[in-house]
C-alpha atoms as a PDB file:
ATOM      1  CA  MET A   1      11.135  -4.599  13.501  1.00  0.00           C
ATOM      2  CA  ASP A   2       7.667  -5.233  12.105  1.00  0.00           C
ATOM      3  CA  THR A   3       4.597  -3.795  13.817  1.00  0.00           C
ATOM      4  CA  PRO A   4       0.950  -4.391  12.933  1.00  0.00           C
ATOM      5  CA  ARG A   5       1.004  -1.363  10.603  1.00  0.00           C
ATOM      6  CA  ILE A   6       4.651  -1.281   9.491  1.00  0.00           C
ATOM      7  CA  VAL A   7       6.142  -4.184   7.548  1.00  0.00           C
ATOM      8  CA  SER A   8       9.364  -4.912   5.760  1.00  0.00           C
ATOM      9  CA  ASP A   9       9.126  -7.297   2.803  1.00  0.00           C
ATOM     10  CA  PRO A  10      12.197  -7.891   0.617  1.00  0.00           C
ATOM     11  CA  ASN A  11       9.882  -8.105  -2.408  1.00  0.00           C
ATOM     12  CA  ILE A  12       8.440  -4.622  -1.832  1.00  0.00           C
ATOM     13  CA  LEU A  13      10.688  -1.571  -2.241  1.00  0.00           C
ATOM     14  CA  PHE A  14      13.810  -3.653  -1.536  1.00  0.00           C
ATOM     15  CA  GLY A  15      12.633  -4.352   2.014  1.00  0.00           C
ATOM     16  CA  LYS A  16      12.200  -0.754   3.115  1.00  0.00           C
ATOM     17  CA  PRO A  17       9.681  -0.405   5.946  1.00  0.00           C
ATOM     18  CA  THR A  18       6.262   0.363   4.461  1.00  0.00           C
ATOM     19  CA  ILE A  19       2.700   0.816   5.649  1.00  0.00           C
ATOM     20  CA  ARG A  20       1.036  -2.623   5.586  1.00  0.00           C
ATOM     21  CA  GLY A  21      -1.046  -3.196   2.466  1.00  0.00           C
ATOM     22  CA  THR A  22       0.567  -0.312   0.570  1.00  0.00           C
ATOM     23  CA  ARG A  23       3.808   0.530  -1.164  1.00  0.00           C
ATOM     24  CA  ILE A  24       4.100   3.732   0.892  1.00  0.00           C
ATOM     25  CA  PRO A  25       7.447   3.779   2.719  1.00  0.00           C
ATOM     26  CA  VAL A  26       7.803   5.110   6.248  1.00  0.00           C
ATOM     27  CA  GLU A  27      10.635   7.251   4.891  1.00  0.00           C
ATOM     28  CA  LEU A  28       8.226   9.139   2.589  1.00  0.00           C
ATOM     29  CA  ILE A  29       5.888   9.984   5.456  1.00  0.00           C
ATOM     30  CA  LEU A  30       8.766  11.221   7.598  1.00  0.00           C
ATOM     31  CA  GLU A  31      10.179  13.350   4.772  1.00  0.00           C
ATOM     32  CA  LYS A  32       6.804  14.962   4.100  1.00  0.00           C
ATOM     33  CA  LEU A  33       6.308  15.781   7.773  1.00  0.00           C
ATOM     34  CA  ALA A  34       9.867  17.147   8.007  1.00  0.00           C
ATOM     35  CA  ASP A  35       9.154  19.368   4.989  1.00  0.00           C
ATOM     36  CA  GLY A  36       6.221  20.874   6.881  1.00  0.00           C
ATOM     37  CA  GLU A  37       3.396  19.036   5.157  1.00  0.00           C
ATOM     38  CA  THR A  38       0.396  18.582   7.420  1.00  0.00           C
ATOM     39  CA  VAL A  39      -1.077  15.230   8.363  1.00  0.00           C
ATOM     40  CA  ASP A  40      -4.305  16.220   6.597  1.00  0.00           C
ATOM     41  CA  ALA A  41      -2.402  17.059   3.400  1.00  0.00           C
ATOM     42  CA  ILE A  42      -0.610  13.696   3.482  1.00  0.00           C
ATOM     43  CA  LEU A  43      -3.901  11.880   4.051  1.00  0.00           C
ATOM     44  CA  SER A  44      -5.430  13.767   1.144  1.00  0.00           C
ATOM     45  CA  SER A  45      -2.523  12.826  -1.150  1.00  0.00           C
ATOM     46  CA  TYR A  46      -2.505   9.174  -0.040  1.00  0.00           C
ATOM     47  CA  PRO A  47      -6.108   8.067   0.575  1.00  0.00           C
ATOM     48  CA  LYS A  48      -5.028   4.574   1.693  1.00  0.00           C
ATOM     49  CA  LEU A  49      -3.269   6.097   4.718  1.00  0.00           C
ATOM     50  CA  THR A  50      -4.889   6.742   8.076  1.00  0.00           C
ATOM     51  CA  LYS A  51      -3.839   8.961  10.959  1.00  0.00           C
ATOM     52  CA  GLU A  52      -2.939   5.768  12.809  1.00  0.00           C
ATOM     53  CA  ASP A  53      -0.564   4.813   9.967  1.00  0.00           C
ATOM     54  CA  ILE A  54       1.207   8.153  10.269  1.00  0.00           C
ATOM     55  CA  SER A  55       1.479   7.751  14.048  1.00  0.00           C
ATOM     56  CA  ALA A  56       2.847   4.250  13.525  1.00  0.00           C
ATOM     57  CA  ALA A  57       5.472   5.612  11.115  1.00  0.00           C
ATOM     58  CA  LEU A  58       6.602   8.150  13.712  1.00  0.00           C
ATOM     59  CA  ASP A  59       6.683   5.503  16.429  1.00  0.00           C
ATOM     60  CA  PHE A  60       8.646   3.163  14.155  1.00  0.00           C
ATOM     61  CA  ALA A  61      11.246   5.889  13.516  1.00  0.00           C
ATOM     62  CA  ALA A  62      11.538   6.638  17.237  1.00  0.00           C
ATOM     63  CA  GLN A  63      12.062   2.956  18.030  1.00  0.00           C
ATOM     64  CA  ALA A  64      14.645   2.618  15.265  1.00  0.00           C
ATOM     65  CA  LEU A  65      16.623   5.573  16.609  1.00  0.00           C
ATOM     66  CA  ARG A  66      16.321   4.325  20.163  1.00  0.00           C
ATOM     67  CA  ASN A  67      18.036   1.100  19.138  1.00  0.00           C
ATOM     68  CA  ASP A  68      20.925   2.694  17.237  1.00  0.00           C
ATOM     69  CA  VAL A  69      23.730   5.102  17.897  1.00  0.00           C
ATOM     70  CA  VAL A  70      23.395   8.128  15.622  1.00  0.00           C
ATOM     71  CA  TYR A  71      26.346  10.356  14.850  1.00  0.00           C
ATOM     72  CA  PRO A  72      25.808  13.914  13.599  1.00  0.00           C
ATOM     73  CA  VAL A  73      26.965  14.565  10.063  1.00  0.00           C
ATOM     74  CA  ALA A  74      28.672  17.855   9.236  1.00  0.00           C
ATOM     75  CA  VAL A  75      26.958  19.738   6.426  1.00  0.00           C
END
């Protein structure tokens, strides 16, 4: 499921979805947001990223979940 901003290349990070033109995985952006990091803090830490890249990562995750069945895991 490639989008203009999100790509999956088997030669980059074993094919994990990344922001186009970077080695920044979507997973990293999602984890940072889940940990409470602000968009501005992420942009400051990763100058190659844009707000549109972060929005694309969130949209990518939503689409991925929409297409799969997710089962809760007991912790």
